[in-house]
Structure formats: C-alpha cells, structure tokens
Amino acid sequence: MAKKKLENLSFEESLNELDTIVQSLEQGELSLEESMALFERGLNLSKVSQDKLQTAEQKVKILLTQNETAPLANYDSSTDQD
C-alpha cells in the first residue's frame, strides 16, 4: 500500500500510522535502514500531528473568544443519539 503524503493524512490516520510504526519498531525484526526510515516517518508524522493539534486549539480559542459572552450550559448526554 502506498503511503499518503503527510499533509493529506487526517489526524486520526496519523495517529494510527504512528501506532503501527511503534509496533513495528518494538518488534525489532527490521533492518537498520528500515528502522531508520520508519523512525524518520514517525518523527514527521508526530510533527504534522502536533501542528494539526495547535491549529485546532487556535480555532477553539478563537471561537471561545468570539462567543465569550454566550452563557455556558451543562452538557446533557440524554439527548445523544446512537
């Protein structure tokens, strides 16, 4: 399976791939070259994921600032639909 470009991965896809990379590295069955390539991709995935989290955090802060006068309400989980 061809790997997607990092910028095209969703946050969840990045986390899943990072988990797979960690599992592969922990097994210790890869060559040094394969391990280094996976480690490098993992570092890049981590950076992209951190950037996406920071962007999401900034958006939340902007939304909260724009709506700071809106009253807070308790979350009612009984209205959740399955």
PDB file of N, CA and C in Angstrom:
ATOM      1  N   MET A   1       0.851  -1.185   0.000  1.00  0.00           N
ATOM      2  CA  MET A   1       0.000   0.000   0.000  1.00  0.00           C
ATOM      3  C   MET A   1       0.889   1.238   0.000  1.00  0.00           C
ATOM      4  N   ALA A   2       0.598   2.149  -0.894  1.00  0.00           N
ATOM      5  CA  ALA A   2       1.361   3.387  -0.979  1.00  0.00           C
ATOM      6  C   ALA A   2       1.030   4.281   0.205  1.00  0.00           C
ATOM      7  N   LYS A   3       2.069   4.909   0.720  1.00  0.00           N
ATOM      8  CA  LYS A   3       1.853   5.804   1.857  1.00  0.00           C
ATOM      9  C   LYS A   3       1.363   7.151   1.346  1.00  0.00           C
ATOM     10  N   LYS A   4       0.370   7.702   2.049  1.00  0.00           N
ATOM     11  CA  LYS A   4      -0.135   9.029   1.710  1.00  0.00           C
ATOM     12  C   LYS A   4       0.882  10.074   2.116  1.00  0.00           C
ATOM     13  N   LYS A   5       0.835  11.189   1.427  1.00  0.00           N
ATOM     14  CA  LYS A   5       1.654  12.311   1.849  1.00  0.00           C
ATOM     15  C   LYS A   5       1.182  12.749   3.221  1.00  0.00           C
ATOM     16  N   LEU A   6       2.118  13.186   4.030  1.00  0.00           N
ATOM     17  CA  LEU A   6       1.798  13.545   5.407  1.00  0.00           C
ATOM     18  C   LEU A   6       0.711  14.596   5.493  1.00  0.00           C
ATOM     19  N   GLU A   7       0.763  15.587   4.628  1.00  0.00           N
ATOM     20  CA  GLU A   7      -0.217  16.672   4.694  1.00  0.00           C
ATOM     21  C   GLU A   7      -1.623  16.230   4.283  1.00  0.00           C
ATOM     22  N   ASN A   8      -1.738  15.063   3.651  1.00  0.00           N
ATOM     23  CA  ASN A   8      -3.044  14.555   3.228  1.00  0.00           C
ATOM     24  C   ASN A   8      -3.679  13.619   4.254  1.00  0.00           C
ATOM     25  N   LEU A   9      -2.945  13.303   5.305  1.00  0.00           N
ATOM     26  CA  LEU A   9      -3.474  12.417   6.334  1.00  0.00           C
ATOM     27  C   LEU A   9      -4.322  13.188   7.326  1.00  0.00           C
ATOM     28  N   SER A  10      -5.392  12.570   7.774  1.00  0.00           N
ATOM     29  CA  SER A  10      -6.166  13.162   8.861  1.00  0.00           C
ATOM     30  C   SER A  10      -5.386  12.938  10.155  1.00  0.00           C
ATOM     31  N   PHE A  11      -5.787  13.641  11.191  1.00  0.00           N
ATOM     32  CA  PHE A  11      -5.130  13.475  12.483  1.00  0.00           C
ATOM     33  C   PHE A  11      -5.219  12.019  12.944  1.00  0.00           C
ATOM     34  N   GLU A  12      -6.389  11.422  12.785  1.00  0.00           N
ATOM     35  CA  GLU A  12      -6.604  10.046  13.211  1.00  0.00           C
ATOM     36  C   GLU A  12      -5.751   9.075  12.404  1.00  0.00           C
ATOM     37  N   GLU A  13      -5.635   9.308  11.096  1.00  0.00           N
ATOM     38  CA  GLU A  13      -4.785   8.457  10.263  1.00  0.00           C
ATOM     39  C   GLU A  13      -3.326   8.563  10.691  1.00  0.00           C
ATOM     40  N   SER A  14      -2.905   9.773  11.028  1.00  0.00           N
ATOM     41  CA  SER A  14      -1.530   9.972  11.505  1.00  0.00           C
ATOM     42  C   SER A  14      -1.281   9.181  12.780  1.00  0.00           C
ATOM     43  N   LEU A  15      -2.216   9.250  13.725  1.00  0.00           N
ATOM     44  CA  LEU A  15      -2.054   8.512  14.976  1.00  0.00           C
ATOM     45  C   LEU A  15      -2.026   7.003  14.740  1.00  0.00           C
ATOM     46  N   ASN A  16      -2.885   6.530  13.860  1.00  0.00           N
ATOM     47  CA  ASN A  16      -2.907   5.094  13.552  1.00  0.00           C
ATOM     48  C   ASN A  16      -1.590   4.645  12.932  1.00  0.00           C
ATOM     49  N   GLU A  17      -1.065   5.450  12.013  1.00  0.00           N
ATOM     50  CA  GLU A  17       0.200   5.088  11.383  1.00  0.00           C
ATOM     51  C   GLU A  17       1.349   5.151  12.396  1.00  0.00           C
ATOM     52  N   LEU A  18       1.314   6.148  13.278  1.00  0.00           N
ATOM     53  CA  LEU A  18       2.337   6.227  14.320  1.00  0.00           C
ATOM     54  C   LEU A  18       2.298   4.977  15.203  1.00  0.00           C
ATOM     55  N   ASP A  19       1.108   4.535  15.544  1.00  0.00           N
ATOM     56  CA  ASP A  19       0.964   3.332  16.360  1.00  0.00           C
ATOM     57  C   ASP A  19       1.554   2.120  15.634  1.00  0.00           C
ATOM     58  N   THR A  20       1.281   2.010  14.356  1.00  0.00           N
ATOM     59  CA  THR A  20       1.820   0.904  13.560  1.00  0.00           C
ATOM     60  C   THR A  20       3.340   0.960  13.504  1.00  0.00           C
ATOM     61  N   ILE A  21       3.881   2.160  13.344  1.00  0.00           N
ATOM     62  CA  ILE A  21       5.331   2.335  13.298  1.00  0.00           C
ATOM     63  C   ILE A  21       5.964   1.911  14.624  1.00  0.00           C
ATOM     64  N   VAL A  22       5.373   2.341  15.721  1.00  0.00           N
ATOM     65  CA  VAL A  22       5.903   1.981  17.045  1.00  0.00           C
ATOM     66  C   VAL A  22       5.893   0.467  17.221  1.00  0.00           C
ATOM     67  N   GLN A  23       4.806  -0.176  16.841  1.00  0.00           N
ATOM     68  CA  GLN A  23       4.717  -1.631  16.967  1.00  0.00           C
ATOM     69  C   GLN A  23       5.783  -2.319  16.131  1.00  0.00           C
ATOM     70  N   SER A  24       5.985  -1.832  14.904  1.00  0.00           N
ATOM     71  CA  SER A  24       6.994  -2.420  14.019  1.00  0.00           C
ATOM     72  C   SER A  24       8.396  -2.251  14.595  1.00  0.00           C
ATOM     73  N   LEU A  25       8.677  -1.071  15.123  1.00  0.00           N
ATOM     74  CA  LEU A  25       9.997  -0.820  15.696  1.00  0.00           C
ATOM     75  C   LEU A  25      10.217  -1.643  16.965  1.00  0.00           C
ATOM     76  N   GLU A  26       9.179  -1.816  17.767  1.00  0.00           N
ATOM     77  CA  GLU A  26       9.305  -2.579  19.005  1.00  0.00           C
ATOM     78  C   GLU A  26       9.550  -4.062  18.757  1.00  0.00           C
ATOM     79  N   GLN A  27       9.080  -4.573  17.635  1.00  0.00           N
ATOM     80  CA  GLN A  27       9.287  -5.990  17.324  1.00  0.00           C
ATOM     81  C   GLN A  27      10.757  -6.283  17.057  1.00  0.00           C
ATOM     82  N   GLY A  28      11.494  -5.286  16.571  1.00  0.00           N
ATOM     83  CA  GLY A  28      12.926  -5.442  16.361  1.00  0.00           C
ATOM     84  C   GLY A  28      13.322  -6.359  15.223  1.00  0.00           C
ATOM     85  N   GLU A  29      12.432  -6.591  14.295  1.00  0.00           N
ATOM     86  CA  GLU A  29      12.719  -7.511  13.191  1.00  0.00           C
ATOM     87  C   GLU A  29      13.110  -6.783  11.907  1.00  0.00           C
ATOM     88  N   LEU A  30      13.222  -5.475  11.958  1.00  0.00           N
ATOM     89  CA  LEU A  30      13.543  -4.694  10.763  1.00  0.00           C
ATOM     90  C   LEU A  30      15.050  -4.474  10.664  1.00  0.00           C
ATOM     91  N   SER A  31      15.491  -4.249   9.441  1.00  0.00           N
ATOM     92  CA  SER A  31      16.897  -3.891   9.260  1.00  0.00           C
ATOM     93  C   SER A  31      17.119  -2.483   9.796  1.00  0.00           C
ATOM     94  N   LEU A  32      18.364  -2.123   9.954  1.00  0.00           N
ATOM     95  CA  LEU A  32      18.694  -0.785  10.433  1.00  0.00           C
ATOM     96  C   LEU A  32      18.134   0.270   9.488  1.00  0.00           C
ATOM     97  N   GLU A  33      18.265   0.049   8.197  1.00  0.00           N
ATOM     98  CA  GLU A  33      17.781   1.014   7.209  1.00  0.00           C
ATOM     99  C   GLU A  33      16.265   1.164   7.272  1.00  0.00           C
ATOM    100  N   GLU A  34      15.560   0.032   7.403  1.00  0.00           N
ATOM    101  CA  GLU A  34      14.100   0.080   7.517  1.00  0.00           C
ATOM    102  C   GLU A  34      13.684   0.772   8.808  1.00  0.00           C
ATOM    103  N   SER A  35      14.380   0.469   9.881  1.00  0.00           N
ATOM    104  CA  SER A  35      14.079   1.101  11.165  1.00  0.00           C
ATOM    105  C   SER A  35      14.284   2.604  11.100  1.00  0.00           C
ATOM    106  N   MET A  36      15.372   3.033  10.493  1.00  0.00           N
ATOM    107  CA  MET A  36      15.659   4.461  10.389  1.00  0.00           C
ATOM    108  C   MET A  36      14.615   5.167   9.524  1.00  0.00           C
ATOM    109  N   ALA A  37      14.195   4.528   8.429  1.00  0.00           N
ATOM    110  CA  ALA A  37      13.179   5.125   7.557  1.00  0.00           C
ATOM    111  C   ALA A  37      11.851   5.260   8.311  1.00  0.00           C
ATOM    112  N   LEU A  38      11.478   4.219   9.056  1.00  0.00           N
ATOM    113  CA  LEU A  38      10.239   4.278   9.838  1.00  0.00           C
ATOM    114  C   LEU A  38      10.345   5.323  10.945  1.00  0.00           C
ATOM    115  N   PHE A  39      11.493   5.377  11.598  1.00  0.00           N
ATOM    116  CA  PHE A  39      11.694   6.353  12.664  1.00  0.00           C
ATOM    117  C   PHE A  39      11.557   7.779  12.119  1.00  0.00           C
ATOM    118  N   GLU A  40      12.151   8.019  10.952  1.00  0.00           N
ATOM    119  CA  GLU A  40      12.054   9.348  10.334  1.00  0.00           C
ATOM    120  C   GLU A  40      10.613   9.684   9.975  1.00  0.00           C
ATOM    121  N   ARG A  41       9.886   8.731   9.409  1.00  0.00           N
ATOM    122  CA  ARG A  41       8.474   8.969   9.077  1.00  0.00           C
ATOM    123  C   ARG A  41       7.683   9.225  10.361  1.00  0.00           C
ATOM    124  N   GLY A  42       7.981   8.480  11.408  1.00  0.00           N
ATOM    125  CA  GLY A  42       7.304   8.680  12.677  1.00  0.00           C
ATOM    126  C   GLY A  42       7.529  10.077  13.232  1.00  0.00           C
ATOM    127  N   LEU A  43       8.759  10.565  13.158  1.00  0.00           N
ATOM    128  CA  LEU A  43       9.045  11.927  13.615  1.00  0.00           C
ATOM    129  C   LEU A  43       8.266  12.950  12.797  1.00  0.00           C
ATOM    130  N   ASN A  44       8.213  12.739  11.496  1.00  0.00           N
ATOM    131  CA  ASN A  44       7.468  13.659  10.636  1.00  0.00           C
ATOM    132  C   ASN A  44       5.970  13.594  10.912  1.00  0.00           C
ATOM    133  N   LEU A  45       5.450  12.400  11.137  1.00  0.00           N
ATOM    134  CA  LEU A  45       4.033  12.252  11.492  1.00  0.00           C
ATOM    135  C   LEU A  45       3.732  12.960  12.807  1.00  0.00           C
ATOM    136  N   SER A  46       4.640  12.832  13.759  1.00  0.00           N
ATOM    137  CA  SER A  46       4.464  13.490  15.047  1.00  0.00           C
ATOM    138  C   SER A  46       4.410  15.004  14.880  1.00  0.00           C
ATOM    139  N   LYS A  47       5.295  15.546  14.068  1.00  0.00           N
ATOM    140  CA  LYS A  47       5.331  16.998  13.833  1.00  0.00           C
ATOM    141  C   LYS A  47       4.036  17.465  13.168  1.00  0.00           C
ATOM    142  N   VAL A  48       3.588  16.752  12.148  1.00  0.00           N
ATOM    143  CA  VAL A  48       2.358  17.120  11.446  1.00  0.00           C
ATOM    144  C   VAL A  48       1.168  17.044  12.408  1.00  0.00           C
ATOM    145  N   SER A  49       1.136  16.012  13.241  1.00  0.00           N
ATOM    146  CA  SER A  49       0.041  15.851  14.204  1.00  0.00           C
ATOM    147  C   SER A  49       0.040  16.987  15.225  1.00  0.00           C
ATOM    148  N   GLN A  50       1.210  17.361  15.705  1.00  0.00           N
ATOM    149  CA  GLN A  50       1.309  18.474  16.646  1.00  0.00           C
ATOM    150  C   GLN A  50       0.829  19.769  16.008  1.00  0.00           C
ATOM    151  N   ASP A  51       1.196  19.985  14.754  1.00  0.00           N
ATOM    152  CA  ASP A  51       0.743  21.186  14.041  1.00  0.00           C
ATOM    153  C   ASP A  51      -0.774  21.207  13.904  1.00  0.00           C
ATOM    154  N   LYS A  52      -1.364  20.047  13.596  1.00  0.00           N
ATOM    155  CA  LYS A  52      -2.827  19.971  13.469  1.00  0.00           C
ATOM    156  C   LYS A  52      -3.505  20.232  14.806  1.00  0.00           C
ATOM    157  N   LEU A  53      -2.932  19.719  15.881  1.00  0.00           N
ATOM    158  CA  LEU A  53      -3.489  19.973  17.202  1.00  0.00           C
ATOM    159  C   LEU A  53      -3.404  21.448  17.571  1.00  0.00           C
ATOM    160  N   GLN A  54      -2.287  22.081  17.258  1.00  0.00           N
ATOM    161  CA  GLN A  54      -2.138  23.504  17.544  1.00  0.00           C
ATOM    162  C   GLN A  54      -3.131  24.330  16.743  1.00  0.00           C
ATOM    163  N   THR A  55      -3.351  23.963  15.494  1.00  0.00           N
ATOM    164  CA  THR A  55      -4.327  24.661  14.662  1.00  0.00           C
ATOM    165  C   THR A  55      -5.727  24.512  15.247  1.00  0.00           C
ATOM    166  N   ALA A  56      -6.064  23.297  15.662  1.00  0.00           N
ATOM    167  CA  ALA A  56      -7.380  23.065  16.260  1.00  0.00           C
ATOM    168  C   ALA A  56      -7.534  23.856  17.562  1.00  0.00           C
ATOM    169  N   GLU A  57      -6.479  23.894  18.364  1.00  0.00           N
ATOM    170  CA  GLU A  57      -6.524  24.650  19.615  1.00  0.00           C
ATOM    171  C   GLU A  57      -6.726  26.141  19.347  1.00  0.00           C
ATOM    172  N   GLN A  58      -6.046  26.660  18.334  1.00  0.00           N
ATOM    173  CA  GLN A  58      -6.215  28.072  17.980  1.00  0.00           C
ATOM    174  C   GLN A  58      -7.640  28.357  17.539  1.00  0.00           C
ATOM    175  N   LYS A  59      -8.222  27.445  16.754  1.00  0.00           N
ATOM    176  CA  LYS A  59      -9.602  27.631  16.306  1.00  0.00           C
ATOM    177  C   LYS A  59     -10.565  27.647  17.481  1.00  0.00           C
ATOM    178  N   VAL A  60     -10.336  26.740  18.432  1.00  0.00           N
ATOM    179  CA  VAL A  60     -11.198  26.690  19.622  1.00  0.00           C
ATOM    180  C   VAL A  60     -11.077  27.986  20.409  1.00  0.00           C
ATOM    181  N   LYS A  61      -9.851  28.475  20.584  1.00  0.00           N
ATOM    182  CA  LYS A  61      -9.645  29.731  21.313  1.00  0.00           C
ATOM    183  C   LYS A  61     -10.350  30.889  20.616  1.00  0.00           C
ATOM    184  N   ILE A  62     -10.270  30.930  19.290  1.00  0.00           N
ATOM    185  CA  ILE A  62     -10.940  31.995  18.524  1.00  0.00           C
ATOM    186  C   ILE A  62     -12.445  31.903  18.717  1.00  0.00           C
ATOM    187  N   LEU A  63     -12.984  30.690  18.611  1.00  0.00           N
ATOM    188  CA  LEU A  63     -14.427  30.509  18.780  1.00  0.00           C
ATOM    189  C   LEU A  63     -14.869  30.892  20.183  1.00  0.00           C
ATOM    190  N   LEU A  64     -14.095  30.523  21.182  1.00  0.00           N
ATOM    191  CA  LEU A  64     -14.449  30.867  22.559  1.00  0.00           C
ATOM    192  C   LEU A  64     -14.364  32.377  22.780  1.00  0.00           C
ATOM    193  N   THR A  65     -13.381  33.009  22.188  1.00  0.00           N
ATOM    194  CA  THR A  65     -13.235  34.457  22.319  1.00  0.00           C
ATOM    195  C   THR A  65     -14.399  35.176  21.653  1.00  0.00           C
ATOM    196  N   GLN A  66     -14.798  34.703  20.484  1.00  0.00           N
ATOM    197  CA  GLN A  66     -15.903  35.313  19.768  1.00  0.00           C
ATOM    198  C   GLN A  66     -17.217  35.136  20.522  1.00  0.00           C
ATOM    199  N   ASN A  67     -17.316  34.080  21.286  1.00  0.00           N
ATOM    200  CA  ASN A  67     -18.558  33.767  21.984  1.00  0.00           C
ATOM    201  C   ASN A  67     -18.408  33.861  23.492  1.00  0.00           C
ATOM    202  N   GLU A  68     -17.493  34.700  23.956  1.00  0.00           N
ATOM    203  CA  GLU A  68     -17.241  34.745  25.394  1.00  0.00           C
ATOM    204  C   GLU A  68     -18.421  35.280  26.200  1.00  0.00           C
ATOM    205  N   THR A  69     -19.321  35.977  25.528  1.00  0.00           N
ATOM    206  CA  THR A  69     -20.487  36.482  26.243  1.00  0.00           C
ATOM    207  C   THR A  69     -21.627  35.470  26.263  1.00  0.00           C
ATOM    208  N   ALA A  70     -21.490  34.400  25.489  1.00  0.00           N
ATOM    209  CA  ALA A  70     -22.537  33.373  25.460  1.00  0.00           C
ATOM    210  C   ALA A  70     -22.513  32.604  26.775  1.00  0.00           C
ATOM    211  N   PRO A  71     -23.673  32.314  27.330  1.00  0.00           N
ATOM    212  CA  PRO A  71     -23.709  31.592  28.602  1.00  0.00           C
ATOM    213  C   PRO A  71     -23.297  30.135  28.405  1.00  0.00           C
ATOM    214  N   LEU A  72     -22.603  29.600  29.389  1.00  0.00           N
ATOM    215  CA  LEU A  72     -22.239  28.194  29.363  1.00  0.00           C
ATOM    216  C   LEU A  72     -23.410  27.372  29.866  1.00  0.00           C
ATOM    217  N   ALA A  73     -23.563  26.179  29.324  1.00  0.00           N
ATOM    218  CA  ALA A  73     -24.635  25.288  29.755  1.00  0.00           C
ATOM    219  C   ALA A  73     -24.045  23.916  30.014  1.00  0.00           C
ATOM    220  N   ASN A  74     -24.652  23.172  30.909  1.00  0.00           N
ATOM    221  CA  ASN A  74     -24.223  21.808  31.172  1.00  0.00           C
ATOM    222  C   ASN A  74     -24.572  20.936  29.979  1.00  0.00           C
ATOM    223  N   TYR A  75     -23.713  19.961  29.708  1.00  0.00           N
ATOM    224  CA  TYR A  75     -23.945  19.025  28.619  1.00  0.00           C
ATOM    225  C   TYR A  75     -24.956  17.986  29.060  1.00  0.00           C
ATOM    226  N   ASP A  76     -25.949  17.777  28.239  1.00  0.00           N
ATOM    227  CA  ASP A  76     -26.988  16.788  28.541  1.00  0.00           C
ATOM    228  C   ASP A  76     -26.788  15.575  27.647  1.00  0.00           C
ATOM    229  N   SER A  77     -26.220  14.512  28.189  1.00  0.00           N
ATOM    230  CA  SER A  77     -25.929  13.329  27.391  1.00  0.00           C
ATOM    231  C   SER A  77     -27.163  12.518  27.048  1.00  0.00           C
ATOM    232  N   SER A  78     -28.281  12.801  27.695  1.00  0.00           N
ATOM    233  CA  SER A  78     -29.503  12.066  27.398  1.00  0.00           C
ATOM    234  C   SER A  78     -30.066  12.419  26.027  1.00  0.00           C
ATOM    235  N   THR A  79     -29.571  13.500  25.440  1.00  0.00           N
ATOM    236  CA  THR A  79     -30.039  13.877  24.106  1.00  0.00           C
ATOM    237  C   THR A  79     -29.198  13.285  23.000  1.00  0.00           C
ATOM    238  N   ASP A  80     -28.127  12.547  23.376  1.00  0.00           N
ATOM    239  CA  ASP A  80     -27.275  11.895  22.374  1.00  0.00           C
ATOM    240  C   ASP A  80     -28.066  10.821  21.644  1.00  0.00           C
ATOM    241  N   GLN A  81     -27.784  10.719  20.353  1.00  0.00           N
ATOM    242  CA  GLN A  81     -28.420   9.686  19.562  1.00  0.00           C
ATOM    243  C   GLN A  81     -27.375   8.642  19.213  1.00  0.00           C
ATOM    244  N   ASP A  82     -27.757   7.385  19.214  1.00  0.00           N
ATOM    245  CA  ASP A  82     -26.821   6.294  18.881  1.00  0.00           C
ATOM    246  C   ASP A  82     -26.747   6.076  17.409  1.00  0.00           C
TER     247      ASP A  82
END
